[in-house]
Amino acid sequence: MDHDHYPDEYIRDILSSVKTIAMVGASANEVRPSFFVMKYLLAKGYHVIPVNPGQAGKDILGQLTYARLADIPGTIDMVDVFRASDAVPAIVDEVLALSTLPKVIWTQLTVRNDAAAAKAEAAGIQVVMNRCPKIEYARLCGEIGWSGVNSRVLSSKKPILGKGFQSFGLNRSK
């Protein structure tokens, strides 16, 4: 995978297929990016599980926080990483130690570790780096265009309202 450029369909397929997201580095501080990304993803219908050892056992946005990925009951579809690039190899190792591997490891803006990505991909896990699922979701469904941002999505078709709060959904091009 070329981690400098992701095809829209690759991102759309990921965001359409995942349901449960473990957010490593989730914060209870409402001015932190992880807080409002989590809030947005919850509003879009995703099940987001915060992972933060300092907040373990407490709620963030009504969701129980876990100390480690291995502590989460059930399966995880995607791990969203809000940690520095040098923390990614240890997180990938933690992911690979899970009994059921997630489909995707996604690292946030400015977070990139090519060696860790290669290790995850060798285990069959899709990787997205240096991107934000909130921004990508909004861009692909046209919501980000409401703010005057060039979403690279142009259509004369009336959008079909999807699931979630004010969501046009990740409609596929035909």
Protein backbone atom coordinates (compact mmCIF):
# COMPACT_ATOMS: atom_id res chain seq x y z
CA MET A 1 0.00 0.00 0.00
CA ASP A 2 1.20 3.49 -0.84
CA HIS A 3 0.83 5.25 2.50
CA ASP A 4 1.29 8.67 0.93
CA HIS A 5 -1.89 8.40 -1.17
CA TYR A 6 -4.99 6.38 -0.37
CA PRO A 7 -7.68 5.85 -3.00
CA ASP A 8 -11.07 7.15 -1.87
CA GLU A 9 -12.55 3.68 -2.37
CA TYR A 10 -9.98 2.17 0.05
CA ILE A 11 -10.93 4.67 2.77
CA ARG A 12 -14.65 4.36 1.99
CA ASP A 13 -14.50 0.55 2.18
CA ILE A 14 -12.83 0.74 5.59
CA LEU A 15 -15.23 3.30 7.02
CA SER A 16 -18.21 1.36 5.62
CA SER A 17 -17.13 -2.02 6.97
CA VAL A 18 -15.91 -1.27 10.49
CA LYS A 19 -18.41 -1.08 13.34
CA THR A 20 -16.30 -1.28 16.52
CA ILE A 21 -13.34 1.08 16.95
CA ALA A 22 -10.84 0.97 19.81
CA MET A 23 -9.42 4.47 20.25
CA VAL A 24 -5.94 4.25 21.77
CA GLY A 25 -5.08 7.53 23.48
CA ALA A 26 -8.68 8.64 23.94
CA SER A 27 -8.98 11.66 26.20
CA ALA A 28 -11.69 12.78 28.61
CA ASN A 29 -10.60 16.39 27.99
CA GLU A 30 -13.21 17.88 25.67
CA VAL A 31 -10.71 20.17 23.92
CA ARG A 32 -8.46 17.29 22.84
CA PRO A 33 -8.82 16.07 19.23
CA SER A 34 -9.42 12.47 20.35
CA PHE A 35 -12.47 13.64 22.35
CA PHE A 36 -14.23 15.34 19.46
CA VAL A 37 -13.26 12.61 16.97
CA MET A 38 -14.74 10.05 19.34
CA LYS A 39 -17.88 12.17 19.76
CA TYR A 40 -18.26 12.48 15.97
CA LEU A 41 -17.75 8.76 15.32
CA LEU A 42 -20.26 7.85 18.04
CA ALA A 43 -22.78 10.21 16.42
CA LYS A 44 -22.24 8.43 13.09
CA GLY A 45 -23.21 5.10 14.64
CA TYR A 46 -19.81 3.54 15.34
CA HIS A 47 -19.18 1.74 18.64
CA VAL A 48 -16.06 3.52 19.94
CA ILE A 49 -14.17 2.04 22.88
CA PRO A 50 -11.69 4.38 24.59
CA VAL A 51 -8.29 2.94 25.58
CA ASN A 52 -6.27 4.98 28.06
CA PRO A 53 -4.52 3.50 31.14
CA GLY A 54 -4.94 6.75 33.08
CA GLN A 55 -8.71 6.71 32.54
CA ALA A 56 -9.30 2.93 32.85
CA GLY A 57 -12.59 2.12 34.55
CA LYS A 58 -14.00 5.60 33.94
CA ASP A 59 -16.40 6.72 31.23
CA ILE A 60 -15.50 8.92 28.28
CA LEU A 61 -18.61 10.08 26.41
CA GLY A 62 -20.58 7.34 28.14
CA GLN A 63 -18.18 4.59 27.04
CA LEU A 64 -16.19 2.52 29.53
CA THR A 65 -12.45 3.11 29.17
CA TYR A 66 -9.99 0.23 29.14
CA ALA A 67 -6.27 0.25 30.02
CA ARG A 68 -5.19 -2.04 27.17
CA LEU A 69 -6.58 -3.46 23.96
CA ALA A 70 -6.44 -6.97 25.46
CA ASP A 71 -8.85 -5.85 28.21
CA ILE A 72 -11.64 -5.11 25.73
CA PRO A 73 -14.29 -7.85 25.64
CA GLY A 74 -15.37 -8.90 22.17
CA THR A 75 -13.84 -8.14 18.83
CA ILE A 76 -12.47 -4.88 17.48
CA ASP A 77 -12.77 -3.95 13.81
CA MET A 78 -10.37 -0.99 13.87
CA VAL A 79 -7.74 0.46 16.17
CA ASP A 80 -7.52 4.26 15.89
CA VAL A 81 -4.21 5.52 17.29
CA PHE A 82 -3.95 8.92 19.00
CA ARG A 83 -0.35 8.46 20.13
CA ALA A 84 3.03 9.65 18.86
CA SER A 85 4.68 7.85 15.94
CA ASP A 86 7.29 6.23 18.19
CA ALA A 87 4.50 4.51 20.18
CA VAL A 88 3.04 2.79 17.11
CA PRO A 89 5.37 -0.29 17.05
CA ALA A 90 4.35 -1.26 20.61
CA ILE A 91 0.67 -0.73 19.73
CA VAL A 92 1.04 -2.94 16.64
CA ASP A 93 2.67 -5.62 18.82
CA GLU A 94 -0.26 -5.34 21.25
CA VAL A 95 -2.70 -5.69 18.34
CA LEU A 96 -0.88 -8.74 16.97
CA ALA A 97 -1.10 -10.41 20.39
CA LEU A 98 -4.93 -10.24 20.35
CA SER A 99 -6.75 -13.54 19.84
CA THR A 100 -8.84 -11.98 17.05
CA LEU A 101 -7.07 -9.41 14.90
CA PRO A 102 -8.83 -6.20 13.87
CA LYS A 103 -9.31 -5.45 10.17
CA VAL A 104 -7.62 -2.04 10.35
CA ILE A 105 -5.02 -0.02 12.20
CA TRP A 106 -5.53 3.70 11.61
CA THR A 107 -3.10 6.35 12.85
CA GLN A 108 -4.11 9.96 13.23
CA LEU A 109 -2.73 13.06 11.52
CA THR A 110 1.09 13.34 11.76
CA VAL A 111 1.34 9.77 13.13
CA ARG A 112 3.33 7.48 10.86
CA ASN A 113 5.60 4.48 11.31
CA ASP A 114 6.32 2.58 8.10
CA ALA A 115 8.04 -0.39 9.78
CA ALA A 116 5.08 -0.94 12.11
CA ALA A 117 2.69 -0.59 9.17
CA ALA A 118 4.59 -3.24 7.20
CA LYS A 119 4.45 -5.60 10.19
CA ALA A 120 0.68 -5.12 10.52
CA GLU A 121 0.10 -5.56 6.79
CA ALA A 122 2.19 -8.76 6.81
CA ALA A 123 -0.35 -10.09 9.34
CA GLY A 124 -3.24 -9.20 7.00
CA ILE A 125 -4.30 -5.96 8.68
CA GLN A 126 -5.12 -2.91 6.55
CA VAL A 127 -3.29 0.26 7.57
CA VAL A 128 -4.09 3.95 7.19
CA MET A 129 -1.56 6.48 8.46
CA ASN A 130 -1.53 10.24 8.87
CA ARG A 131 -5.28 10.55 8.34
CA CYS A 132 -8.28 11.25 10.56
CA PRO A 133 -11.40 9.07 10.19
CA LYS A 134 -13.59 12.04 11.18
CA ILE A 135 -12.15 14.19 8.39
CA GLU A 136 -12.22 11.35 5.85
CA TYR A 137 -15.81 10.40 6.70
CA ALA A 138 -16.94 14.03 6.41
CA ARG A 139 -15.00 14.50 3.16
CA LEU A 140 -16.35 11.36 1.51
CA CYS A 141 -19.98 12.04 2.40
CA GLY A 142 -19.81 15.73 1.48
CA GLU A 143 -20.26 17.15 4.98
CA ILE A 144 -16.87 18.82 5.04
CA GLY A 145 -17.91 20.87 2.00
CA TRP A 146 -20.44 22.67 4.21
CA SER A 147 -17.48 24.49 5.76
CA GLY A 148 -16.11 25.65 2.42
CA VAL A 149 -13.42 22.96 2.32
CA ASN A 150 -12.64 21.33 -1.03
CA SER A 151 -13.76 17.74 -0.44
CA ARG A 152 -12.69 16.56 -3.93
CA VAL A 153 -16.25 15.17 -4.21
CA LEU A 154 -18.47 16.86 -6.77
CA SER A 155 -21.94 15.69 -7.59
CA SER A 156 -25.18 17.12 -8.90
CA LYS A 157 -27.10 14.25 -7.30
CA LYS A 158 -29.23 14.92 -4.27
CA PRO A 159 -27.49 13.23 -1.31
CA ILE A 160 -29.24 10.32 0.35
CA LEU A 161 -29.42 10.77 4.10
CA GLY A 162 -27.62 7.91 5.86
CA LYS A 163 -27.53 6.67 9.44
CA GLY A 164 -26.35 8.91 12.25
CA PHE A 165 -26.69 12.55 13.14
CA GLN A 166 -26.99 14.76 10.04
CA SER A 167 -25.18 12.16 8.01
CA PHE A 168 -25.19 11.80 4.26
CA GLY A 169 -23.42 8.47 4.78
CA LEU A 170 -20.61 6.98 2.76
CA ASN A 171 -22.57 6.52 -0.44
CA ARG A 172 -20.68 4.73 -3.16
CA SER A 173 -20.14 6.22 -6.59
CA LYS A 174 -21.95 4.31 -9.31
